[in-house]
Amino acid sequence: MACKKSDLISAINSFSAARVSEDQNLLNFSAQLLFQLMETLEFSPEEEVAEETPEEPVAIEEKTEKPALKRPRKKTAA
């Protein structure tokens, strides 16, 4: 039997609270509950994706000007 969305959310919240509290017993219990609910999830089959042939990369022209490097100014004592 599939689990309800509210049960799964409750288990996730319990697991999160257990992680924050660092209570090992609570963490073990909530992790076990979460895994039990995850085992009941039903997934639809994945759609098969047709294999695509890779396209050849198109050369991109540089339209921006490269900045001209300037010499750093000499520091002068003020």
PDB file of N, CA and C in Angstrom:
ATOM      1  N   MET A   1       0.842  -1.176   0.000  1.00  0.00           N
ATOM      2  CA  MET A   1       0.000   0.000   0.000  1.00  0.00           C
ATOM      3  C   MET A   1       0.887   1.239   0.000  1.00  0.00           C
ATOM      4  N   ALA A   2       0.583   2.180  -0.857  1.00  0.00           N
ATOM      5  CA  ALA A   2       1.367   3.402  -0.956  1.00  0.00           C
ATOM      6  C   ALA A   2       1.102   4.300   0.248  1.00  0.00           C
ATOM      7  N   CYS A   3       2.134   5.048   0.641  1.00  0.00           N
ATOM      8  CA  CYS A   3       1.960   5.940   1.785  1.00  0.00           C
ATOM      9  C   CYS A   3       1.300   7.242   1.340  1.00  0.00           C
ATOM     10  N   LYS A   4       0.714   7.934   2.316  1.00  0.00           N
ATOM     11  CA  LYS A   4       0.106   9.235   2.035  1.00  0.00           C
ATOM     12  C   LYS A   4       1.195  10.297   2.034  1.00  0.00           C
ATOM     13  N   LYS A   5       0.941  11.344   1.294  1.00  0.00           N
ATOM     14  CA  LYS A   5       1.896  12.432   1.216  1.00  0.00           C
ATOM     15  C   LYS A   5       2.126  13.045   2.597  1.00  0.00           C
ATOM     16  N   SER A   6       1.053  13.183   3.390  1.00  0.00           N
ATOM     17  CA  SER A   6       1.178  13.775   4.724  1.00  0.00           C
ATOM     18  C   SER A   6       2.029  12.900   5.643  1.00  0.00           C
ATOM     19  N   ASP A   7       1.927  11.565   5.506  1.00  0.00           N
ATOM     20  CA  ASP A   7       2.750  10.662   6.313  1.00  0.00           C
ATOM     21  C   ASP A   7       4.229  10.810   5.955  1.00  0.00           C
ATOM     22  N   LEU A   8       4.506  10.917   4.675  1.00  0.00           N
ATOM     23  CA  LEU A   8       5.893  11.065   4.228  1.00  0.00           C
ATOM     24  C   LEU A   8       6.477  12.391   4.704  1.00  0.00           C
ATOM     25  N   ILE A   9       5.705  13.459   4.606  1.00  0.00           N
ATOM     26  CA  ILE A   9       6.178  14.770   5.060  1.00  0.00           C
ATOM     27  C   ILE A   9       6.416  14.756   6.562  1.00  0.00           C
ATOM     28  N   SER A  10       5.523  14.118   7.296  1.00  0.00           N
ATOM     29  CA  SER A  10       5.681  14.011   8.744  1.00  0.00           C
ATOM     30  C   SER A  10       6.951  13.241   9.100  1.00  0.00           C
ATOM     31  N   ALA A  11       7.234  12.180   8.384  1.00  0.00           N
ATOM     32  CA  ALA A  11       8.440  11.390   8.642  1.00  0.00           C
ATOM     33  C   ALA A  11       9.695  12.192   8.313  1.00  0.00           C
ATOM     34  N   ILE A  12       9.659  12.968   7.244  1.00  0.00           N
ATOM     35  CA  ILE A  12      10.807  13.807   6.876  1.00  0.00           C
ATOM     36  C   ILE A  12      11.040  14.865   7.939  1.00  0.00           C
ATOM     37  N   ASN A  13       9.968  15.489   8.421  1.00  0.00           N
ATOM     38  CA  ASN A  13      10.099  16.500   9.468  1.00  0.00           C
ATOM     39  C   ASN A  13      10.634  15.885  10.760  1.00  0.00           C
ATOM     40  N   SER A  14      10.175  14.687  11.100  1.00  0.00           N
ATOM     41  CA  SER A  14      10.669  14.002  12.299  1.00  0.00           C
ATOM     42  C   SER A  14      12.157  13.704  12.167  1.00  0.00           C
ATOM     43  N   PHE A  15      12.564  13.248  10.996  1.00  0.00           N
ATOM     44  CA  PHE A  15      13.970  12.950  10.761  1.00  0.00           C
ATOM     45  C   PHE A  15      14.815  14.221  10.866  1.00  0.00           C
ATOM     46  N   SER A  16      14.306  15.327  10.307  1.00  0.00           N
ATOM     47  CA  SER A  16      15.035  16.606  10.373  1.00  0.00           C
ATOM     48  C   SER A  16      15.182  17.069  11.814  1.00  0.00           C
ATOM     49  N   ALA A  17      14.104  16.968  12.585  1.00  0.00           N
ATOM     50  CA  ALA A  17      14.161  17.378  13.986  1.00  0.00           C
ATOM     51  C   ALA A  17      15.132  16.497  14.775  1.00  0.00           C
ATOM     52  N   ALA A  18      15.176  15.214  14.456  1.00  0.00           N
ATOM     53  CA  ALA A  18      16.087  14.304  15.138  1.00  0.00           C
ATOM     54  C   ALA A  18      17.534  14.643  14.812  1.00  0.00           C
ATOM     55  N   ARG A  19      17.800  15.018  13.575  1.00  0.00           N
ATOM     56  CA  ARG A  19      19.164  15.404  13.186  1.00  0.00           C
ATOM     57  C   ARG A  19      19.614  16.642  13.938  1.00  0.00           C
ATOM     58  N   VAL A  20      18.705  17.605  14.066  1.00  0.00           N
ATOM     59  CA  VAL A  20      19.047  18.854  14.744  1.00  0.00           C
ATOM     60  C   VAL A  20      19.270  18.610  16.233  1.00  0.00           C
ATOM     61  N   SER A  21      18.434  17.761  16.846  1.00  0.00           N
ATOM     62  CA  SER A  21      18.538  17.514  18.284  1.00  0.00           C
ATOM     63  C   SER A  21      19.713  16.608  18.642  1.00  0.00           C
ATOM     64  N   GLU A  22      20.271  15.909  17.647  1.00  0.00           N
ATOM     65  CA  GLU A  22      21.394  14.980  17.823  1.00  0.00           C
ATOM     66  C   GLU A  22      21.076  13.872  18.826  1.00  0.00           C
ATOM     67  N   ASP A  23      19.785  13.514  18.954  1.00  0.00           N
ATOM     68  CA  ASP A  23      19.357  12.410  19.804  1.00  0.00           C
ATOM     69  C   ASP A  23      19.443  11.128  18.985  1.00  0.00           C
ATOM     70  N   GLN A  24      20.357  10.244  19.351  1.00  0.00           N
ATOM     71  CA  GLN A  24      20.634   9.056  18.546  1.00  0.00           C
ATOM     72  C   GLN A  24      19.436   8.116  18.479  1.00  0.00           C
ATOM     73  N   ASN A  25      18.719   7.942  19.592  1.00  0.00           N
ATOM     74  CA  ASN A  25      17.558   7.048  19.586  1.00  0.00           C
ATOM     75  C   ASN A  25      16.458   7.588  18.679  1.00  0.00           C
ATOM     76  N   LEU A  26      16.184   8.880  18.793  1.00  0.00           N
ATOM     77  CA  LEU A  26      15.165   9.511  17.962  1.00  0.00           C
ATOM     78  C   LEU A  26      15.573   9.476  16.491  1.00  0.00           C
ATOM     79  N   LEU A  27      16.856   9.671  16.234  1.00  0.00           N
ATOM     80  CA  LEU A  27      17.366   9.636  14.865  1.00  0.00           C
ATOM     81  C   LEU A  27      17.198   8.252  14.249  1.00  0.00           C
ATOM     82  N   ASN A  28      17.519   7.212  15.005  1.00  0.00           N
ATOM     83  CA  ASN A  28      17.371   5.844  14.497  1.00  0.00           C
ATOM     84  C   ASN A  28      15.903   5.519  14.208  1.00  0.00           C
ATOM     85  N   PHE A  29      15.032   5.892  15.130  1.00  0.00           N
ATOM     86  CA  PHE A  29      13.606   5.618  14.955  1.00  0.00           C
ATOM     87  C   PHE A  29      13.044   6.355  13.742  1.00  0.00           C
ATOM     88  N   SER A  30      13.369   7.651  13.628  1.00  0.00           N
ATOM     89  CA  SER A  30      12.822   8.426  12.513  1.00  0.00           C
ATOM     90  C   SER A  30      13.407   7.979  11.172  1.00  0.00           C
ATOM     91  N   ALA A  31      14.663   7.578  11.169  1.00  0.00           N
ATOM     92  CA  ALA A  31      15.276   7.082   9.934  1.00  0.00           C
ATOM     93  C   ALA A  31      14.612   5.784   9.502  1.00  0.00           C
ATOM     94  N   GLN A  32      14.340   4.898  10.456  1.00  0.00           N
ATOM     95  CA  GLN A  32      13.681   3.634  10.143  1.00  0.00           C
ATOM     96  C   GLN A  32      12.280   3.886   9.583  1.00  0.00           C
ATOM     97  N   LEU A  33      11.541   4.808  10.210  1.00  0.00           N
ATOM     98  CA  LEU A  33      10.200   5.144   9.733  1.00  0.00           C
ATOM     99  C   LEU A  33      10.245   5.727   8.325  1.00  0.00           C
ATOM    100  N   LEU A  34      11.199   6.606   8.097  1.00  0.00           N
ATOM    101  CA  LEU A  34      11.331   7.231   6.777  1.00  0.00           C
ATOM    102  C   LEU A  34      11.662   6.197   5.711  1.00  0.00           C
ATOM    103  N   PHE A  35      12.566   5.285   5.999  1.00  0.00           N
ATOM    104  CA  PHE A  35      12.926   4.254   5.021  1.00  0.00           C
ATOM    105  C   PHE A  35      11.762   3.312   4.747  1.00  0.00           C
ATOM    106  N   GLN A  36      10.977   2.993   5.773  1.00  0.00           N
ATOM    107  CA  GLN A  36       9.807   2.139   5.568  1.00  0.00           C
ATOM    108  C   GLN A  36       8.807   2.816   4.635  1.00  0.00           C
ATOM    109  N   LEU A  37       8.600   4.110   4.826  1.00  0.00           N
ATOM    110  CA  LEU A  37       7.670   4.823   3.957  1.00  0.00           C
ATOM    111  C   LEU A  37       8.215   4.957   2.540  1.00  0.00           C
ATOM    112  N   MET A  38       9.524   5.146   2.428  1.00  0.00           N
ATOM    113  CA  MET A  38      10.125   5.275   1.096  1.00  0.00           C
ATOM    114  C   MET A  38      10.016   3.975   0.318  1.00  0.00           C
ATOM    115  N   GLU A  39      10.039   2.852   1.006  1.00  0.00           N
ATOM    116  CA  GLU A  39       9.912   1.556   0.334  1.00  0.00           C
ATOM    117  C   GLU A  39       8.524   1.358  -0.262  1.00  0.00           C
ATOM    118  N   THR A  40       7.524   2.073   0.256  1.00  0.00           N
ATOM    119  CA  THR A  40       6.165   1.905  -0.247  1.00  0.00           C
ATOM    120  C   THR A  40       5.858   2.844  -1.406  1.00  0.00           C
ATOM    121  N   LEU A  41       6.786   3.742  -1.731  1.00  0.00           N
ATOM    122  CA  LEU A  41       6.540   4.671  -2.842  1.00  0.00           C
ATOM    123  C   LEU A  41       6.483   3.905  -4.155  1.00  0.00           C
ATOM    124  N   GLU A  42       5.545   4.292  -4.996  1.00  0.00           N
ATOM    125  CA  GLU A  42       5.397   3.659  -6.303  1.00  0.00           C
ATOM    126  C   GLU A  42       5.766   4.673  -7.372  1.00  0.00           C
ATOM    127  N   PHE A  43       6.626   4.272  -8.260  1.00  0.00           N
ATOM    128  CA  PHE A  43       7.090   5.148  -9.326  1.00  0.00           C
ATOM    129  C   PHE A  43       6.571   4.652 -10.661  1.00  0.00           C
ATOM    130  N   SER A  44       6.272   5.583 -11.531  1.00  0.00           N
ATOM    131  CA  SER A  44       5.885   5.201 -12.883  1.00  0.00           C
ATOM    132  C   SER A  44       7.153   4.900 -13.678  1.00  0.00           C
ATOM    133  N   PRO A  45       7.060   4.067 -14.705  1.00  0.00           N
ATOM    134  CA  PRO A  45       8.259   3.721 -15.475  1.00  0.00           C
ATOM    135  C   PRO A  45       8.799   4.944 -16.220  1.00  0.00           C
ATOM    136  N   GLU A  46      10.091   4.964 -16.358  1.00  0.00           N
ATOM    137  CA  GLU A  46      10.758   6.049 -17.066  1.00  0.00           C
ATOM    138  C   GLU A  46      10.485   5.946 -18.562  1.00  0.00           C
ATOM    139  N   GLU A  47      10.376   7.099 -19.195  1.00  0.00           N
ATOM    140  CA  GLU A  47      10.206   7.120 -20.641  1.00  0.00           C
ATOM    141  C   GLU A  47      11.553   6.867 -21.297  1.00  0.00           C
ATOM    142  N   GLU A  48      11.528   6.075 -22.352  1.00  0.00           N
ATOM    143  CA  GLU A  48      12.770   5.809 -23.050  1.00  0.00           C
ATOM    144  C   GLU A  48      13.104   7.007 -23.935  1.00  0.00           C
ATOM    145  N   VAL A  49      14.323   7.453 -23.829  1.00  0.00           N
ATOM    146  CA  VAL A  49      14.776   8.608 -24.586  1.00  0.00           C
ATOM    147  C   VAL A  49      15.560   8.112 -25.793  1.00  0.00           C
ATOM    148  N   ALA A  50      15.190   8.622 -26.956  1.00  0.00           N
ATOM    149  CA  ALA A  50      15.905   8.249 -28.170  1.00  0.00           C
ATOM    150  C   ALA A  50      17.301   8.857 -28.122  1.00  0.00           C
ATOM    151  N   GLU A  51      18.270   8.067 -28.519  1.00  0.00           N
ATOM    152  CA  GLU A  51      19.635   8.550 -28.489  1.00  0.00           C
ATOM    153  C   GLU A  51      19.841   9.594 -29.578  1.00  0.00           C
ATOM    154  N   GLU A  52      20.342  10.742 -29.180  1.00  0.00           N
ATOM    155  CA  GLU A  52      20.553  11.835 -30.132  1.00  0.00           C
ATOM    156  C   GLU A  52      21.994  11.818 -30.615  1.00  0.00           C
ATOM    157  N   THR A  53      22.172  12.184 -31.869  1.00  0.00           N
ATOM    158  CA  THR A  53      23.523  12.289 -32.392  1.00  0.00           C
ATOM    159  C   THR A  53      24.063  13.666 -32.031  1.00  0.00           C
ATOM    160  N   PRO A  54      25.271  13.726 -31.532  1.00  0.00           N
ATOM    161  CA  PRO A  54      25.825  15.030 -31.144  1.00  0.00           C
ATOM    162  C   PRO A  54      26.066  15.908 -32.371  1.00  0.00           C
ATOM    163  N   GLU A  55      25.718  17.165 -32.211  1.00  0.00           N
ATOM    164  CA  GLU A  55      25.939  18.111 -33.304  1.00  0.00           C
ATOM    165  C   GLU A  55      27.365  18.629 -33.229  1.00  0.00           C
ATOM    166  N   GLU A  56      27.882  19.016 -34.385  1.00  0.00           N
ATOM    167  CA  GLU A  56      29.224  19.576 -34.395  1.00  0.00           C
ATOM    168  C   GLU A  56      29.176  20.982 -33.825  1.00  0.00           C
ATOM    169  N   PRO A  57      30.140  21.324 -32.981  1.00  0.00           N
ATOM    170  CA  PRO A  57      30.126  22.665 -32.389  1.00  0.00           C
ATOM    171  C   PRO A  57      30.324  23.741 -33.444  1.00  0.00           C
ATOM    172  N   VAL A  58      29.592  24.815 -33.283  1.00  0.00           N
ATOM    173  CA  VAL A  58      29.683  25.931 -34.209  1.00  0.00           C
ATOM    174  C   VAL A  58      30.652  26.954 -33.631  1.00  0.00           C
ATOM    175  N   ALA A  59      31.557  27.427 -34.461  1.00  0.00           N
ATOM    176  CA  ALA A  59      32.526  28.422 -34.005  1.00  0.00           C
ATOM    177  C   ALA A  59      31.812  29.750 -33.764  1.00  0.00           C
ATOM    178  N   ILE A  60      32.118  30.360 -32.630  1.00  0.00           N
ATOM    179  CA  ILE A  60      31.511  31.636 -32.273  1.00  0.00           C
ATOM    180  C   ILE A  60      32.555  32.731 -32.460  1.00  0.00           C
ATOM    181  N   GLU A  61      32.155  33.750 -33.207  1.00  0.00           N
ATOM    182  CA  GLU A  61      33.072  34.863 -33.447  1.00  0.00           C
ATOM    183  C   GLU A  61      33.111  35.766 -32.231  1.00  0.00           C
ATOM    184  N   GLU A  62      34.315  36.276 -31.938  1.00  0.00           N
ATOM    185  CA  GLU A  62      34.439  37.233 -30.841  1.00  0.00           C
ATOM    186  C   GLU A  62      34.068  38.610 -31.368  1.00  0.00           C
ATOM    187  N   LYS A  63      33.032  39.196 -30.796  1.00  0.00           N
ATOM    188  CA  LYS A  63      32.574  40.506 -31.235  1.00  0.00           C
ATOM    189  C   LYS A  63      32.958  41.594 -30.254  1.00  0.00           C
ATOM    190  N   THR A  64      33.460  41.216 -29.104  1.00  0.00           N
ATOM    191  CA  THR A  64      33.849  42.216 -28.118  1.00  0.00           C
ATOM    192  C   THR A  64      35.331  42.491 -28.240  1.00  0.00           C
ATOM    193  N   GLU A  65      35.692  43.708 -27.942  1.00  0.00           N
ATOM    194  CA  GLU A  65      37.092  44.073 -27.994  1.00  0.00           C
ATOM    195  C   GLU A  65      37.764  43.631 -26.707  1.00  0.00           C
ATOM    196  N   LYS A  66      38.969  43.162 -26.840  1.00  0.00           N
ATOM    197  CA  LYS A  66      39.716  42.771 -25.657  1.00  0.00           C
ATOM    198  C   LYS A  66      40.233  44.045 -24.985  1.00  0.00           C
ATOM    199  N   PRO A  67      40.161  44.130 -23.669  1.00  0.00           N
ATOM    200  CA  PRO A  67      40.626  45.338 -22.995  1.00  0.00           C
ATOM    201  C   PRO A  67      42.138  45.480 -23.116  1.00  0.00           C
ATOM    202  N   ALA A  68      42.562  46.721 -23.306  1.00  0.00           N
ATOM    203  CA  ALA A  68      43.987  46.999 -23.393  1.00  0.00           C
ATOM    204  C   ALA A  68      44.525  47.112 -21.977  1.00  0.00           C
ATOM    205  N   LEU A  69      45.613  46.428 -21.716  1.00  0.00           N
ATOM    206  CA  LEU A  69      46.198  46.474 -20.386  1.00  0.00           C
ATOM    207  C   LEU A  69      47.014  47.750 -20.244  1.00  0.00           C
ATOM    208  N   LYS A  70      46.827  48.414 -19.123  1.00  0.00           N
ATOM    209  CA  LYS A  70      47.557  49.656 -18.872  1.00  0.00           C
ATOM    210  C   LYS A  70      48.623  49.385 -17.826  1.00  0.00           C
ATOM    211  N   ARG A  71      49.671  50.175 -17.894  1.00  0.00           N
ATOM    212  CA  ARG A  71      50.725  50.052 -16.895  1.00  0.00           C
ATOM    213  C   ARG A  71      50.212  50.622 -15.588  1.00  0.00           C
ATOM    214  N   PRO A  72      50.551  50.001 -14.484  1.00  0.00           N
ATOM    215  CA  PRO A  72      50.109  50.556 -13.206  1.00  0.00           C
ATOM    216  C   PRO A  72      50.812  51.881 -12.929  1.00  0.00           C
ATOM    217  N   ARG A  73      50.086  52.769 -12.293  1.00  0.00           N
ATOM    218  CA  ARG A  73      50.672  54.081 -11.959  1.00  0.00           C
ATOM    219  C   ARG A  73      51.698  53.910 -10.853  1.00  0.00           C
ATOM    220  N   LYS A  74      52.716  54.756 -10.928  1.00  0.00           N
ATOM    221  CA  LYS A  74      53.737  54.737  -9.884  1.00  0.00           C
ATOM    222  C   LYS A  74      53.170  55.461  -8.677  1.00  0.00           C
ATOM    223  N   LYS A  75      53.434  54.869  -7.510  1.00  0.00           N
ATOM    224  CA  LYS A  75      52.967  55.507  -6.290  1.00  0.00           C
ATOM    225  C   LYS A  75      53.903  56.661  -5.968  1.00  0.00           C
ATOM    226  N   THR A  76      53.289  57.783  -5.647  1.00  0.00           N
ATOM    227  CA  THR A  76      54.092  58.953  -5.270  1.00  0.00           C
ATOM    228  C   THR A  76      53.812  59.278  -3.817  1.00  0.00           C
ATOM    229  N   ALA A  77      54.815  59.708  -3.125  1.00  0.00           N
ATOM    230  CA  ALA A  77      54.642  60.071  -1.725  1.00  0.00           C
ATOM    231  C   ALA A  77      53.868  61.380  -1.659  1.00  0.00           C
ATOM    232  N   ALA A  78      52.886  61.425  -0.798  1.00  0.00           N
ATOM    233  CA  ALA A  78      52.069  62.623  -0.705  1.00  0.00           C
ATOM    234  C   ALA A  78      52.529  63.518   0.405  1.00  0.00           C
TER     235      ALA A  78
END
